[in-house]
C-alpha atoms as a PDB file:
ATOM      1  CA  MET A   1     -18.420  -0.348 -14.197  1.00  0.00           C
ATOM      2  CA  THR A   2     -16.266  -3.135 -12.181  1.00  0.00           C
ATOM      3  CA  LEU A   3     -14.521  -2.518  -9.339  1.00  0.00           C
ATOM      4  CA  ALA A   4     -11.033  -2.360 -11.164  1.00  0.00           C
ATOM      5  CA  ASP A   5     -12.372   0.395 -13.674  1.00  0.00           C
ATOM      6  CA  ASP A   6     -13.522   2.273 -10.354  1.00  0.00           C
ATOM      7  CA  PHE A   7      -9.961   1.805  -9.234  1.00  0.00           C
ATOM      8  CA  ARG A   8      -8.359   3.134 -12.130  1.00  0.00           C
ATOM      9  CA  ARG A   9     -11.134   6.024 -12.270  1.00  0.00           C
ATOM     10  CA  LEU A  10     -10.235   7.180  -8.946  1.00  0.00           C
ATOM     11  CA  HIS A  11      -6.560   8.027  -9.618  1.00  0.00           C
ATOM     12  CA  ALA A  12      -7.733  10.408 -12.305  1.00  0.00           C
ATOM     13  CA  GLU A  13     -10.084  12.477  -9.939  1.00  0.00           C
ATOM     14  CA  GLY A  14      -8.107  14.143  -7.363  1.00  0.00           C
ATOM     15  CA  VAL A  15      -6.388  12.649  -4.514  1.00  0.00           C
ATOM     16  CA  LEU A  16      -6.608   9.027  -3.693  1.00  0.00           C
ATOM     17  CA  VAL A  17      -6.329   8.627  -0.044  1.00  0.00           C
ATOM     18  CA  LEU A  18      -5.366   4.991   1.451  1.00  0.00           C
ATOM     19  CA  PRO A  19      -5.353   4.263   5.285  1.00  0.00           C
ATOM     20  CA  ASN A  20      -3.789   0.856   4.762  1.00  0.00           C
ATOM     21  CA  ALA A  21      -5.958  -2.672   6.122  1.00  0.00           C
ATOM     22  CA  TRP A  22      -4.133  -5.831   7.117  1.00  0.00           C
ATOM     23  CA  ASP A  23      -7.353  -7.988   8.523  1.00  0.00           C
ATOM     24  CA  ALA A  24     -11.026  -7.882   7.526  1.00  0.00           C
ATOM     25  CA  ALA A  25     -11.934  -5.494  10.409  1.00  0.00           C
ATOM     26  CA  SER A  26      -9.534  -2.959   9.951  1.00  0.00           C
ATOM     27  CA  ALA A  27     -10.533  -3.198   6.351  1.00  0.00           C
ATOM     28  CA  ARG A  28     -14.338  -2.696   7.485  1.00  0.00           C
ATOM     29  CA  LEU A  29     -12.861   0.412   9.821  1.00  0.00           C
ATOM     30  CA  VAL A  30     -11.067   1.773   6.808  1.00  0.00           C
ATOM     31  CA  GLU A  31     -13.956   1.622   4.394  1.00  0.00           C
ATOM     32  CA  ARG A  32     -16.926   2.920   6.951  1.00  0.00           C
ATOM     33  CA  ALA A  33     -14.427   5.816   7.742  1.00  0.00           C
ATOM     34  CA  GLY A  34     -15.178   6.504   3.839  1.00  0.00           C
ATOM     35  CA  ALA A  35     -12.045   5.597   2.131  1.00  0.00           C
ATOM     36  CA  ALA A  36     -12.769   4.789  -1.740  1.00  0.00           C
ATOM     37  CA  ALA A  37     -10.518   1.921  -1.723  1.00  0.00           C
ATOM     38  CA  VAL A  38      -8.778  -0.455   0.498  1.00  0.00           C
ATOM     39  CA  ALA A  39      -4.939  -0.846   0.384  1.00  0.00           C
ATOM     40  CA  THR A  40      -3.217  -3.787   1.995  1.00  0.00           C
ATOM     41  CA  THR A  41       0.275  -3.543   3.897  1.00  0.00           C
ATOM     42  CA  SER A  42       2.615  -6.334   3.304  1.00  0.00           C
ATOM     43  CA  GLY A  43       4.404  -5.204   7.139  1.00  0.00           C
ATOM     44  CA  ALA A  44       0.828  -5.560   9.109  1.00  0.00           C
ATOM     45  CA  VAL A  45      -0.312  -8.766   6.908  1.00  0.00           C
ATOM     46  CA  ALA A  46       2.710 -10.380   7.543  1.00  0.00           C
ATOM     47  CA  TRP A  47       3.009  -9.423  11.484  1.00  0.00           C
ATOM     48  CA  SER A  48      -0.713 -10.575  12.079  1.00  0.00           C
ATOM     49  CA  LEU A  49       0.210 -13.715  10.534  1.00  0.00           C
ATOM     50  CA  GLY A  50       3.300 -14.492  12.196  1.00  0.00           C
ATOM     51  CA  VAL A  51       5.663 -13.880   9.590  1.00  0.00           C
ATOM     52  CA  PRO A  52       8.496 -10.575   9.269  1.00  0.00           C
ATOM     53  CA  ASP A  53       7.768  -7.948   6.613  1.00  0.00           C
ATOM     54  CA  GLY A  54      10.256  -8.701   3.406  1.00  0.00           C
ATOM     55  CA  ASP A  55       9.130 -11.346   1.102  1.00  0.00           C
ATOM     56  CA  ARG A  56       8.697 -13.997   3.928  1.00  0.00           C
ATOM     57  CA  LEU A  57       4.982 -14.258   3.655  1.00  0.00           C
ATOM     58  CA  PRO A  58       4.122 -17.489   1.721  1.00  0.00           C
ATOM     59  CA  LEU A  59       1.593 -16.849  -1.173  1.00  0.00           C
ATOM     60  CA  ASP A  60      -1.128 -18.842   0.349  1.00  0.00           C
ATOM     61  CA  LEU A  61      -1.249 -16.859   3.301  1.00  0.00           C
ATOM     62  CA  LEU A  62      -1.169 -13.882   1.370  1.00  0.00           C
ATOM     63  CA  ALA A  63      -4.038 -14.727  -0.862  1.00  0.00           C
ATOM     64  CA  GLY A  64      -5.838 -15.767   2.244  1.00  0.00           C
ATOM     65  CA  ALA A  65      -5.671 -12.413   3.432  1.00  0.00           C
ATOM     66  CA  VAL A  66      -6.159 -10.341   0.574  1.00  0.00           C
ATOM     67  CA  GLU A  67      -9.635 -13.022   0.092  1.00  0.00           C
ATOM     68  CA  ARG A  68     -10.627 -11.875   3.830  1.00  0.00           C
ATOM     69  CA  ILE A  69     -10.166  -8.396   3.244  1.00  0.00           C
ATOM     70  CA  ALA A  70     -11.639  -8.220  -0.477  1.00  0.00           C
ATOM     71  CA  GLY A  71     -14.521 -10.114   0.783  1.00  0.00           C
ATOM     72  CA  ALA A  72     -14.946  -7.951   3.359  1.00  0.00           C
ATOM     73  CA  VAL A  73     -15.884  -4.557   1.668  1.00  0.00           C
ATOM     74  CA  ALA A  74     -17.338  -3.330  -0.995  1.00  0.00           C
ATOM     75  CA  VAL A  75     -14.714  -1.018  -2.385  1.00  0.00           C
ATOM     76  CA  PRO A  76     -11.869  -1.709  -4.505  1.00  0.00           C
ATOM     77  CA  VAL A  77      -8.961  -3.582  -2.567  1.00  0.00           C
ATOM     78  CA  THR A  78      -5.105  -3.105  -3.851  1.00  0.00           C
ATOM     79  CA  ALA A  79      -2.480  -5.784  -2.454  1.00  0.00           C
ATOM     80  CA  ASP A  80       1.170  -5.201  -1.591  1.00  0.00           C
ATOM     81  CA  VAL A  81       3.075  -8.146  -2.788  1.00  0.00           C
ATOM     82  CA  GLU A  82       6.446  -6.655  -2.070  1.00  0.00           C
ATOM     83  CA  SER A  83       8.845  -7.988  -4.966  1.00  0.00           C
ATOM     84  CA  GLY A  84       6.198 -10.365  -6.324  1.00  0.00           C
ATOM     85  CA  GLY A  85       8.038 -13.193  -5.159  1.00  0.00           C
ATOM     86  CA  PRO A  86       9.556 -16.096  -6.813  1.00  0.00           C
ATOM     87  CA  ASP A  87       6.888 -16.414  -9.704  1.00  0.00           C
ATOM     88  CA  VAL A  88       5.223 -13.106 -10.458  1.00  0.00           C
ATOM     89  CA  ALA A  89       2.477 -14.042 -12.378  1.00  0.00           C
ATOM     90  CA  ALA A  90       1.649 -16.324 -10.280  1.00  0.00           C
ATOM     91  CA  THR A  91       1.556 -13.922  -7.662  1.00  0.00           C
ATOM     92  CA  VAL A  92      -0.704 -11.547  -9.803  1.00  0.00           C
ATOM     93  CA  ARG A  93      -3.271 -14.864 -10.812  1.00  0.00           C
ATOM     94  CA  ALA A  94      -3.763 -15.602  -7.027  1.00  0.00           C
ATOM     95  CA  VAL A  95      -4.252 -12.424  -5.846  1.00  0.00           C
ATOM     96  CA  LEU A  96      -6.611 -11.264  -8.503  1.00  0.00           C
ATOM     97  CA  ALA A  97      -8.630 -14.906  -7.830  1.00  0.00           C
ATOM     98  CA  ALA A  98      -8.991 -13.575  -4.061  1.00  0.00           C
ATOM     99  CA  GLY A  99     -10.508 -10.431  -5.211  1.00  0.00           C
ATOM    100  CA  ALA A 100      -7.403  -7.508  -5.492  1.00  0.00           C
ATOM    101  CA  VAL A 101      -7.919  -5.008  -8.564  1.00  0.00           C
ATOM    102  CA  GLY A 102      -4.439  -3.805  -8.150  1.00  0.00           C
ATOM    103  CA  ILE A 103      -1.043  -4.420  -6.729  1.00  0.00           C
ATOM    104  CA  ASN A 104       2.154  -2.618  -5.152  1.00  0.00           C
ATOM    105  CA  LEU A 105       5.059  -4.154  -6.709  1.00  0.00           C
ATOM    106  CA  GLU A 106       8.512  -2.972  -5.209  1.00  0.00           C
ATOM    107  CA  ASP A 107      11.977  -2.864  -6.918  1.00  0.00           C
ATOM    108  CA  GLY A 108      13.905  -2.845  -3.551  1.00  0.00           C
ATOM    109  CA  GLY A 109      15.905  -0.214  -5.027  1.00  0.00           C
ATOM    110  CA  GLY A 110      17.639  -3.482  -7.104  1.00  0.00           C
ATOM    111  CA  PRO A 111      18.459  -3.732 -10.720  1.00  0.00           C
ATOM    112  CA  VAL A 112      15.865  -1.991 -12.792  1.00  0.00           C
ATOM    113  CA  GLU A 113      15.936  -4.297 -15.618  1.00  0.00           C
ATOM    114  CA  ALA A 114      14.892  -7.111 -13.107  1.00  0.00           C
ATOM    115  CA  HIS A 115      12.054  -5.160 -12.033  1.00  0.00           C
ATOM    116  CA  ARG A 116      11.446  -3.933 -15.474  1.00  0.00           C
ATOM    117  CA  ASP A 117      10.501  -7.574 -16.289  1.00  0.00           C
ATOM    118  CA  ARG A 118       8.629  -7.897 -12.904  1.00  0.00           C
ATOM    119  CA  VAL A 119       6.208  -5.451 -13.606  1.00  0.00           C
ATOM    120  CA  ALA A 120       5.782  -6.846 -17.577  1.00  0.00           C
ATOM    121  CA  ALA A 121       5.141 -10.022 -16.007  1.00  0.00           C
ATOM    122  CA  ALA A 122       2.497  -8.853 -13.873  1.00  0.00           C
ATOM    123  CA  ARG A 123       1.095  -6.546 -16.838  1.00  0.00           C
ATOM    124  CA  ASP A 124       0.801  -9.704 -18.901  1.00  0.00           C
ATOM    125  CA  ALA A 125      -0.678 -11.986 -16.199  1.00  0.00           C
ATOM    126  CA  GLY A 126      -3.495  -9.068 -14.852  1.00  0.00           C
ATOM    127  CA  GLY A 127      -4.411  -7.539 -18.233  1.00  0.00           C
ATOM    128  CA  ARG A 128      -6.529  -4.694 -17.934  1.00  0.00           C
ATOM    129  CA  ASP A 129      -7.990  -5.992 -14.733  1.00  0.00           C
ATOM    130  CA  LEU A 130      -4.849  -4.924 -12.812  1.00  0.00           C
ATOM    131  CA  PHE A 131      -3.610  -1.831 -11.681  1.00  0.00           C
ATOM    132  CA  VAL A 132      -0.021  -2.153 -11.414  1.00  0.00           C
ATOM    133  CA  ASN A 133       1.602   0.464  -8.895  1.00  0.00           C
ATOM    134  CA  ALA A 134       5.495   0.041  -9.639  1.00  0.00           C
ATOM    135  CA  ARG A 135       7.239   1.525  -6.480  1.00  0.00           C
ATOM    136  CA  THR A 136      10.893   2.374  -6.834  1.00  0.00           C
ATOM    137  CA  ASP A 137      12.814   2.961  -3.110  1.00  0.00           C
ATOM    138  CA  LEU A 138      15.810   4.584  -3.962  1.00  0.00           C
ATOM    139  CA  TYR A 139      14.595   7.189  -1.378  1.00  0.00           C
ATOM    140  CA  LEU A 140      13.488   4.976   1.059  1.00  0.00           C
ATOM    141  CA  PHE A 141      16.614   2.828   1.067  1.00  0.00           C
ATOM    142  CA  GLY A 142      18.821   5.900   0.753  1.00  0.00           C
ATOM    143  CA  ILE A 143      20.567   4.126  -2.256  1.00  0.00           C
ATOM    144  CA  GLY A 144      23.411   5.751  -4.394  1.00  0.00           C
ATOM    145  CA  ASP A 145      24.273   9.450  -4.837  1.00  0.00           C
ATOM    146  CA  PRO A 146      21.739  11.668  -3.398  1.00  0.00           C
ATOM    147  CA  ASP A 147      22.606  14.064  -6.208  1.00  0.00           C
ATOM    148  CA  ASP A 148      21.492  11.193  -8.842  1.00  0.00           C
ATOM    149  CA  ARG A 149      18.575   9.972  -6.773  1.00  0.00           C
ATOM    150  CA  LEU A 150      16.198  12.221  -8.273  1.00  0.00           C
ATOM    151  CA  ALA A 151      17.081  11.808 -12.016  1.00  0.00           C
ATOM    152  CA  GLU A 152      17.340   8.025 -11.390  1.00  0.00           C
ATOM    153  CA  THR A 153      13.940   7.835  -9.757  1.00  0.00           C
ATOM    154  CA  ILE A 154      12.260   9.564 -12.382  1.00  0.00           C
ATOM    155  CA  SER A 155      14.521   7.344 -15.368  1.00  0.00           C
ATOM    156  CA  ARG A 156      12.958   3.894 -13.335  1.00  0.00           C
ATOM    157  CA  ALA A 157       9.650   5.558 -13.812  1.00  0.00           C
ATOM    158  CA  GLY A 158       9.470   5.863 -17.225  1.00  0.00           C
ATOM    159  CA  ILE A 159      11.324   2.682 -17.849  1.00  0.00           C
ATOM    160  CA  TYR A 160       8.407   0.790 -15.365  1.00  0.00           C
ATOM    161  CA  GLY A 161       5.880   2.615 -17.426  1.00  0.00           C
ATOM    162  CA  GLU A 162       6.916   1.370 -20.593  1.00  0.00           C
ATOM    163  CA  ALA A 163       7.279  -1.923 -19.197  1.00  0.00           C
ATOM    164  CA  GLY A 164       3.211  -1.913 -18.064  1.00  0.00           C
ATOM    165  CA  ALA A 165       2.879  -0.017 -14.859  1.00  0.00           C
ATOM    166  CA  ASP A 166      -0.041   2.269 -14.402  1.00  0.00           C
ATOM    167  CA  GLY A 167       1.076   4.218 -11.214  1.00  0.00           C
ATOM    168  CA  ILE A 168       4.488   4.814  -9.717  1.00  0.00           C
ATOM    169  CA  PHE A 169       5.040   4.345  -5.727  1.00  0.00           C
ATOM    170  CA  VAL A 170       8.086   6.715  -4.564  1.00  0.00           C
ATOM    171  CA  PRO A 171       8.444   5.893  -0.506  1.00  0.00           C
ATOM    172  CA  GLY A 172      10.624   8.104   1.299  1.00  0.00           C
ATOM    173  CA  VAL A 173      10.011  11.274  -0.553  1.00  0.00           C
ATOM    174  CA  THR A 174       7.745  14.269   1.345  1.00  0.00           C
ATOM    175  CA  ASP A 175       9.781  17.314   0.149  1.00  0.00           C
ATOM    176  CA  PRO A 176       7.568  19.648  -1.825  1.00  0.00           C
ATOM    177  CA  GLY A 177      10.051  20.226  -3.972  1.00  0.00           C
ATOM    178  CA  VAL A 178      11.177  17.158  -4.965  1.00  0.00           C
ATOM    179  CA  LEU A 179       7.401  15.963  -5.042  1.00  0.00           C
ATOM    180  CA  ARG A 180       6.682  18.463  -8.066  1.00  0.00           C
ATOM    181  CA  THR A 181       9.515  17.803  -9.801  1.00  0.00           C
ATOM    182  CA  LEU A 182       8.357  14.070 -10.008  1.00  0.00           C
ATOM    183  CA  VAL A 183       5.055  15.096 -10.538  1.00  0.00           C
ATOM    184  CA  ALA A 184       5.954  16.863 -13.496  1.00  0.00           C
ATOM    185  CA  GLU A 185       8.256  14.422 -14.879  1.00  0.00           C
ATOM    186  CA  ILE A 186       6.115  11.292 -14.290  1.00  0.00           C
ATOM    187  CA  PRO A 187       3.328  11.083 -16.406  1.00  0.00           C
ATOM    188  CA  LEU A 188       1.609   8.751 -14.285  1.00  0.00           C
ATOM    189  CA  PRO A 189       0.025   8.812 -10.863  1.00  0.00           C
ATOM    190  CA  VAL A 190       2.518   9.585  -8.616  1.00  0.00           C
ATOM    191  CA  ASN A 191       2.084   7.685  -4.774  1.00  0.00           C
ATOM    192  CA  VAL A 192       3.390   9.154  -1.747  1.00  0.00           C
ATOM    193  CA  LEU A 193       4.124   7.291   1.529  1.00  0.00           C
ATOM    194  CA  ALA A 194       2.808  10.128   4.662  1.00  0.00           C
ATOM    195  CA  GLY A 195       3.137   9.927   8.277  1.00  0.00           C
ATOM    196  CA  PRO A 196       4.044  12.615  11.106  1.00  0.00           C
ATOM    197  CA  GLY A 197       5.628  15.245   9.399  1.00  0.00           C
ATOM    198  CA  ALA A 198       4.644  14.904   6.329  1.00  0.00           C
ATOM    199  CA  PRO A 199       2.500  17.444   4.196  1.00  0.00           C
ATOM    200  CA  PRO A 200      -1.084  17.039   4.951  1.00  0.00           C
ATOM    201  CA  VAL A 201      -3.176  15.374   2.137  1.00  0.00           C
ATOM    202  CA  ASP A 202      -4.417  18.746   0.535  1.00  0.00           C
ATOM    203  CA  GLU A 203      -0.925  20.045  -0.144  1.00  0.00           C
ATOM    204  CA  LEU A 204       0.217  16.868  -1.514  1.00  0.00           C
ATOM    205  CA  ALA A 205      -3.022  17.181  -3.491  1.00  0.00           C
ATOM    206  CA  ALA A 206      -1.815  20.106  -4.734  1.00  0.00           C
ATOM    207  CA  ILE A 207       1.258  19.371  -5.566  1.00  0.00           C
ATOM    208  CA  GLY A 208      -0.241  16.719  -8.207  1.00  0.00           C
ATOM    209  CA  VAL A 209       0.090  13.769  -5.855  1.00  0.00           C
ATOM    210  CA  ARG A 210      -2.693  11.228  -6.940  1.00  0.00           C
ATOM    211  CA  ARG A 211      -2.495   8.735  -4.021  1.00  0.00           C
ATOM    212  CA  VAL A 212      -1.112   9.204  -0.588  1.00  0.00           C
ATOM    213  CA  SER A 213      -0.947   5.674   1.862  1.00  0.00           C
ATOM    214  CA  VAL A 214       0.351   5.319   5.136  1.00  0.00           C
ATOM    215  CA  GLY A 215       1.945   1.961   4.753  1.00  0.00           C
ATOM    216  CA  THR A 216       1.810   0.124   8.097  1.00  0.00           C
ATOM    217  CA  GLY A 217       1.114   3.377  10.331  1.00  0.00           C
ATOM    218  CA  LEU A 218      -2.329   2.235  11.176  1.00  0.00           C
ATOM    219  CA  ALA A 219      -1.227  -1.064  12.305  1.00  0.00           C
ATOM    220  CA  GLU A 220       1.740   0.435  14.405  1.00  0.00           C
ATOM    221  CA  VAL A 221      -0.732   2.799  16.178  1.00  0.00           C
ATOM    222  CA  ALA A 222      -2.739  -0.397  16.752  1.00  0.00           C
ATOM    223  CA  TYR A 223       0.101  -2.581  17.883  1.00  0.00           C
ATOM    224  CA  ALA A 224       1.023   0.404  20.249  1.00  0.00           C
ATOM    225  CA  ALA A 225      -2.392   0.598  22.149  1.00  0.00           C
ATOM    226  CA  ALA A 226      -2.283  -2.931  22.778  1.00  0.00           C
ATOM    227  CA  ASP A 227       1.407  -2.869  24.007  1.00  0.00           C
ATOM    228  CA  HIS A 228       0.647   0.136  26.084  1.00  0.00           C
ATOM    229  CA  ALA A 229      -2.440  -1.608  27.757  1.00  0.00           C
ATOM    230  CA  ALA A 230      -0.923  -5.382  28.217  1.00  0.00           C
ATOM    231  CA  ARG A 231       2.126  -3.370  29.975  1.00  0.00           C
ATOM    232  CA  GLU A 232      -0.005  -1.640  32.311  1.00  0.00           C
ATOM    233  CA  LEU A 233      -1.796  -4.330  33.293  1.00  0.00           C
ATOM    234  CA  LEU A 234       1.003  -6.554  34.078  1.00  0.00           C
ATOM    235  CA  ALA A 235       2.528  -3.731  35.974  1.00  0.00           C
ATOM    236  CA  THR A 236       0.305  -2.081  37.683  1.00  0.00           C
ATOM    237  CA  GLY A 237      -3.100  -3.994  37.240  1.00  0.00           C
ATOM    238  CA  THR A 238      -5.110  -1.120  36.253  1.00  0.00           C
ATOM    239  CA  TYR A 239      -7.095  -0.630  33.107  1.00  0.00           C
ATOM    240  CA  GLY A 240      -6.675   2.968  32.065  1.00  0.00           C
ATOM    241  CA  ALA A 241      -5.202   1.955  28.504  1.00  0.00           C
ATOM    242  CA  LEU A 242      -8.153   0.214  27.908  1.00  0.00           C
ATOM    243  CA  GLU A 243     -10.328   3.161  27.798  1.00  0.00           C
ATOM    244  CA  GLY A 244     -11.677   4.712  24.444  1.00  0.00           C
ATOM    245  CA  GLY A 245     -11.192   1.604  22.867  1.00  0.00           C
ATOM    246  CA  LEU A 246     -14.115   0.447  20.066  1.00  0.00           C
ATOM    247  CA  ALA A 247     -17.315  -1.237  21.866  1.00  0.00           C
ATOM    248  CA  TYR A 248     -17.389  -4.726  21.408  1.00  0.00           C
ATOM    249  CA  GLY A 249     -20.934  -4.566  19.952  1.00  0.00           C
ATOM    250  CA  ASP A 250     -19.659  -1.803  17.732  1.00  0.00           C
ATOM    251  CA  LEU A 251     -17.270  -4.310  16.334  1.00  0.00           C
ATOM    252  CA  GLN A 252     -19.440  -7.184  16.271  1.00  0.00           C
ATOM    253  CA  LYS A 253     -21.838  -5.257  13.884  1.00  0.00           C
ATOM    254  CA  LEU A 254     -19.049  -3.960  11.763  1.00  0.00           C
ATOM    255  CA  LEU A 255     -18.429  -7.632  10.833  1.00  0.00           C
ATOM    256  CA  ASP A 256     -22.204  -8.856  10.631  1.00  0.00           C
END
């Protein structure tokens, strides 16, 4: 069984939990913690390379990051490629060559026809070796009439599925009632963006959610720790915030 086959299977067996990584070390840590697959997060990958999030990372830097992550782990890797850039097919070919077996492709809440075409282009470029997780952002960005948002999300999911999507990602929704409706009305695996305040994974699984990710959550925690430690060191000359870190030797062994 290939990594692509394994990744597809993981969406059919319970809930796939993806603590998102942004470099080789974070990917190894996620794998060591027991993750069955590794997902990148566009925001943290961009930040780690000195670029803001939001389709601003050049393709060569994105592909390089994916290659380092995929080369560091033995489990399947799915890459967040945001909107896919100006040439979705080229982006797909680059991340496949880098070792990914899946992508997240977001609509930004824009015209449904444009994203339908991007999904179709990704499907054609990637073939069955690529798991296309089509993201719709109506809830995340609060787009449109709130009373129409659920129906429009379900409609978009159907259109993206017909264009070749393998899964549907609806960030911005953690309400159990809305999720039950999404799961009931969308025949593809539904992905949820979770974090503090969201139902725990076992409750999301009971609702029927097939994939749970945390986006930039892990990176935000890591950068917060660095910020806290740096501020303490410069303000008081003390080192309390450095306590409890992973040992140097442990990190060395992690990447050896």
